[in-house]
Amino acid sequence: MNEAEKDNTHFELNEVWKIYKNGDKIVHALSRINCSFTRGSFNIIHGPSGCGKSTMIRIIGLLETPTMGKVLINGENTSNLSQKKRNSIMRNKIGLVFKGSNLIPIINAVDNLTLPMLHSDNNKAKELLKKVGFTDYNKFPNEMSVEEEQRVCIARAMVNNHSIILLDEPTGDLHTIESDNIIELLLELNQTQGLTMILTTNNRRLPQSVNNTVEMIDGTILKK
């Protein structure tokens, strides 16, 4: 990696391992992962269920720590950071979207966005919802389609001006057309908002405009 590439690197995983102990069994969820993601890029981590891609996205998002190796964000080794500093990065820089919506069922779409905001702002919440193509602001989660729920979740991931959006199987519960709609939305947000996006999927129908695709199997990255 040259100096220009280093300067533009948002994430770098260097010799990352994640090892779990399940009774007497040792599980290598990730083995010797080396990869990087540049600022403002659209990236897909692709592979079959159980290949380690969800573990990888959780480690990138600082939800888990690697057993060995380094995770660098903007060149800073997060392994050496205090939990307080890690929490600050998660709160201020990283937005997360999961397969299940995880919306709070007893409040409407706007309130689901204002609740995690550092400074509650109904107008900003509505602007973000409009950006993701959702304008039924008073709708509750149980009144939404699965696609609508994911649109609200994507808006929620941007509430604190996050520059990084991590998505773990965001289209896993969607039909083909709905899945295509969400991917199209994510590509549009990546291009118009300059967000660094990293998403996991086992879907073979990948868009042509993706900057980087990481292929995984059995906890390792397949060499291109």
Protein backbone atom coordinates (compact mmCIF):
# COMPACT_ATOMS: atom_id res chain seq x y z
CA MET A 1 0.00 0.00 0.00
CA ASN A 2 1.50 3.38 -1.05
CA GLU A 3 1.27 6.62 1.00
CA ALA A 4 -1.71 7.98 -0.94
CA GLU A 5 -3.63 4.73 -0.36
CA LYS A 6 -2.73 4.81 3.35
CA ASP A 7 -4.03 8.37 3.67
CA ASN A 8 -7.34 7.34 2.07
CA THR A 9 -7.77 4.15 4.10
CA HIS A 10 -10.70 4.22 6.51
CA PHE A 11 -10.33 0.68 7.88
CA GLU A 12 -7.46 -1.77 7.85
CA LEU A 13 -7.48 -5.30 9.27
CA ASN A 14 -3.97 -6.62 9.82
CA GLU A 15 -3.46 -10.33 10.60
CA VAL A 16 -6.82 -10.49 12.41
CA TRP A 17 -7.86 -13.75 14.09
CA LYS A 18 -11.02 -14.45 16.09
CA ILE A 19 -10.98 -17.69 18.06
CA TYR A 20 -13.81 -18.97 20.24
CA LYS A 21 -13.80 -21.86 22.68
CA ASN A 22 -16.98 -23.94 22.61
CA GLY A 23 -16.57 -26.55 25.33
CA ASP A 24 -13.55 -28.61 24.31
CA LYS A 25 -13.79 -27.36 20.73
CA ILE A 26 -11.74 -24.46 19.36
CA VAL A 27 -13.50 -22.48 16.61
CA HIS A 28 -11.53 -20.24 14.26
CA ALA A 29 -14.25 -17.77 13.24
CA LEU A 30 -11.63 -15.63 11.47
CA SER A 31 -8.16 -16.72 10.39
CA ARG A 32 -5.42 -14.31 9.25
CA ILE A 33 -7.65 -11.59 7.81
CA ASN A 34 -5.81 -8.87 5.89
CA CYS A 35 -7.87 -6.28 4.03
CA SER A 36 -8.58 -2.57 3.85
CA PHE A 37 -11.49 -0.29 2.96
CA THR A 38 -10.96 3.19 1.55
CA ARG A 39 -12.79 6.33 2.60
CA GLY A 40 -16.10 6.87 0.77
CA SER A 41 -16.06 3.42 -0.85
CA PHE A 42 -18.87 0.87 -1.22
CA ASN A 43 -17.76 -2.59 -0.10
CA ILE A 44 -19.36 -6.03 0.10
CA ILE A 45 -18.21 -8.92 2.27
CA HIS A 46 -19.67 -11.93 0.50
CA GLY A 47 -19.87 -15.58 1.42
CA PRO A 48 -22.11 -18.43 2.57
CA SER A 49 -23.78 -18.52 5.98
CA GLY A 50 -21.30 -19.33 8.75
CA CYS A 51 -18.22 -18.19 6.82
CA GLY A 52 -17.33 -15.49 9.38
CA LYS A 53 -18.58 -12.36 7.63
CA SER A 54 -20.85 -11.29 10.52
CA THR A 55 -17.96 -11.75 12.96
CA MET A 56 -15.80 -9.62 10.67
CA ILE A 57 -18.36 -6.79 10.49
CA ARG A 58 -18.73 -6.85 14.29
CA ILE A 59 -14.97 -6.57 14.71
CA ILE A 60 -14.81 -3.71 12.19
CA GLY A 61 -17.62 -2.00 14.11
CA LEU A 62 -15.79 -2.44 17.45
CA LEU A 63 -18.59 -4.61 18.84
CA GLU A 64 -16.00 -7.37 19.33
CA THR A 65 -12.23 -7.41 19.71
CA PRO A 66 -9.95 -9.72 17.73
CA THR A 67 -8.15 -12.53 19.50
CA MET A 68 -5.01 -11.50 17.61
CA GLY A 69 -4.16 -8.82 15.09
CA LYS A 70 -4.96 -5.16 14.60
CA VAL A 71 -8.01 -3.20 13.51
CA LEU A 72 -7.06 0.31 12.42
CA ILE A 73 -9.53 3.16 11.85
CA ASN A 74 -7.97 6.16 10.12
CA GLY A 75 -4.58 4.64 10.93
CA GLU A 76 -5.30 4.36 14.66
CA ASN A 77 -4.93 0.92 16.26
CA THR A 78 -8.24 0.39 18.07
CA SER A 79 -6.83 -2.56 20.04
CA ASN A 80 -4.91 -0.13 22.24
CA LEU A 81 -7.91 2.11 22.99
CA SER A 82 -9.85 2.24 26.23
CA GLN A 83 -13.47 1.08 26.17
CA LYS A 84 -14.53 4.71 26.67
CA LYS A 85 -12.66 5.75 23.50
CA ARG A 86 -14.03 2.77 21.56
CA ASN A 87 -17.56 3.70 22.65
CA SER A 88 -16.95 7.28 21.50
CA ILE A 89 -15.90 6.08 18.03
CA MET A 90 -18.95 3.82 17.82
CA ARG A 91 -21.28 6.61 18.90
CA ASN A 92 -19.83 9.38 16.71
CA LYS A 93 -18.47 7.67 13.59
CA ILE A 94 -20.13 4.29 12.99
CA GLY A 95 -23.75 3.59 12.06
CA LEU A 96 -24.97 -0.01 12.26
CA VAL A 97 -27.76 -1.81 10.39
CA PHE A 98 -28.62 -5.46 11.05
CA LYS A 99 -30.77 -8.08 9.33
CA GLY A 100 -33.59 -7.61 11.83
CA SER A 101 -34.75 -4.01 12.08
CA ASN A 102 -34.37 -3.62 15.87
CA LEU A 103 -36.68 -0.61 15.77
CA ILE A 104 -38.43 0.23 19.02
CA PRO A 105 -42.01 -1.02 18.44
CA ILE A 106 -43.88 1.43 20.69
CA ILE A 107 -42.65 4.65 19.02
CA ASN A 108 -43.06 5.98 15.49
CA ALA A 109 -40.45 6.40 12.75
CA VAL A 110 -39.38 9.93 13.73
CA ASP A 111 -38.99 9.01 17.40
CA ASN A 112 -36.94 5.94 16.46
CA LEU A 113 -34.45 8.38 14.91
CA THR A 114 -34.50 11.13 17.53
CA LEU A 115 -33.95 8.73 20.45
CA PRO A 116 -30.31 7.84 19.54
CA MET A 117 -29.48 11.41 18.44
CA LEU A 118 -26.88 13.27 20.47
CA HIS A 119 -29.19 16.29 20.18
CA SER A 120 -32.83 15.41 19.48
CA ASP A 121 -34.08 17.11 16.30
CA ASN A 122 -37.40 16.18 14.68
CA ASN A 123 -36.65 18.18 11.52
CA LYS A 124 -33.32 16.42 11.01
CA ALA A 125 -35.02 13.06 11.57
CA LYS A 126 -37.58 13.87 8.88
CA GLU A 127 -34.85 15.00 6.47
CA LEU A 128 -32.99 11.72 6.95
CA LEU A 129 -36.17 9.68 6.48
CA LYS A 130 -36.87 11.60 3.29
CA LYS A 131 -33.35 10.79 2.04
CA VAL A 132 -34.11 7.08 2.35
CA GLY A 133 -37.49 7.40 0.61
CA PHE A 134 -39.70 7.18 3.70
CA THR A 135 -42.12 10.02 4.45
CA ASP A 136 -44.83 8.36 6.56
CA TYR A 137 -43.22 9.84 9.66
CA ASN A 138 -45.87 8.80 12.20
CA LYS A 139 -45.90 5.15 11.14
CA PHE A 140 -45.07 2.57 13.81
CA PRO A 141 -42.77 -0.42 13.07
CA ASN A 142 -45.64 -2.94 13.14
CA GLU A 143 -47.34 -0.91 10.39
CA MET A 144 -44.28 -0.97 8.11
CA SER A 145 -43.27 -3.46 5.44
CA VAL A 146 -39.89 -5.16 5.95
CA GLU A 147 -38.38 -2.92 3.27
CA GLU A 148 -39.75 0.19 5.00
CA GLU A 149 -38.27 -0.97 8.31
CA GLN A 150 -34.85 -1.31 6.71
CA ARG A 151 -35.13 2.16 5.17
CA VAL A 152 -35.85 3.60 8.62
CA CYS A 153 -32.92 1.62 10.08
CA ILE A 154 -30.59 3.04 7.41
CA ALA A 155 -31.79 6.57 8.24
CA ARG A 156 -31.24 5.85 11.95
CA ALA A 157 -27.66 4.77 11.20
CA MET A 158 -26.92 8.29 9.92
CA VAL A 159 -28.44 10.32 12.78
CA ASN A 160 -25.16 11.46 14.37
CA ASN A 161 -23.51 12.42 11.07
CA HIS A 162 -21.77 9.06 10.90
CA SER A 163 -19.27 8.74 8.06
CA ILE A 164 -19.25 4.92 8.22
CA ILE A 165 -22.25 2.65 7.78
CA LEU A 166 -21.85 -1.07 8.51
CA LEU A 167 -24.68 -3.37 7.41
CA ASP A 168 -24.92 -7.05 8.35
CA GLU A 169 -27.22 -8.90 5.91
CA PRO A 170 -29.47 -5.82 5.43
CA THR A 171 -31.42 -7.54 2.63
CA GLY A 172 -31.55 -11.01 4.21
CA ASP A 173 -35.30 -10.85 4.97
CA LEU A 174 -36.29 -9.14 1.72
CA HIS A 175 -37.70 -10.40 -1.57
CA THR A 176 -35.61 -9.87 -4.71
CA ILE A 177 -37.20 -6.58 -5.80
CA GLU A 178 -37.10 -5.19 -2.25
CA SER A 179 -33.47 -6.27 -1.94
CA ASP A 180 -32.58 -4.51 -5.19
CA ASN A 181 -34.35 -1.36 -3.96
CA ILE A 182 -32.32 -1.30 -0.74
CA ILE A 183 -29.00 -1.90 -2.55
CA GLU A 184 -29.87 0.88 -5.01
CA LEU A 185 -30.63 3.20 -2.07
CA LEU A 186 -27.32 2.34 -0.37
CA LEU A 187 -25.36 2.99 -3.56
CA GLU A 188 -27.11 6.35 -3.96
CA LEU A 189 -26.32 7.35 -0.36
CA ASN A 190 -22.72 6.26 -0.82
CA GLN A 191 -22.37 8.45 -3.91
CA THR A 192 -24.33 11.50 -2.71
CA GLN A 193 -23.33 11.56 0.98
CA GLY A 194 -19.77 10.23 0.66
CA LEU A 195 -20.39 7.50 3.21
CA THR A 196 -18.04 4.56 3.60
CA MET A 197 -20.30 1.51 3.39
CA ILE A 198 -19.44 -2.08 4.21
CA LEU A 199 -22.17 -4.70 4.00
CA THR A 200 -22.32 -8.46 4.31
CA THR A 201 -24.43 -10.70 2.11
CA ASN A 202 -24.70 -14.24 0.79
CA ASN A 203 -26.60 -12.97 -2.26
CA ARG A 204 -24.87 -13.76 -5.56
CA ARG A 205 -26.63 -10.90 -7.37
CA LEU A 206 -24.06 -8.20 -6.66
CA PRO A 207 -24.18 -4.72 -8.27
CA GLN A 208 -21.50 -3.91 -10.83
CA SER A 209 -20.65 -0.52 -9.27
CA VAL A 210 -19.23 -1.96 -6.02
CA ASN A 211 -15.72 -0.64 -5.31
CA ASN A 212 -14.51 -3.72 -3.46
CA THR A 213 -15.80 -7.26 -2.90
CA VAL A 214 -14.26 -9.47 -0.20
CA GLU A 215 -15.01 -13.17 -0.75
CA MET A 216 -14.99 -15.29 2.41
CA ILE A 217 -15.20 -18.98 3.21
CA ASP A 218 -14.51 -20.81 6.49
CA GLY A 219 -13.21 -17.68 8.22
CA THR A 220 -10.69 -16.76 5.56
CA ILE A 221 -10.58 -14.42 2.57
CA LEU A 222 -10.36 -16.05 -0.84
CA LYS A 223 -7.45 -14.70 -2.85
CA LYS A 224 -8.46 -12.98 -6.10
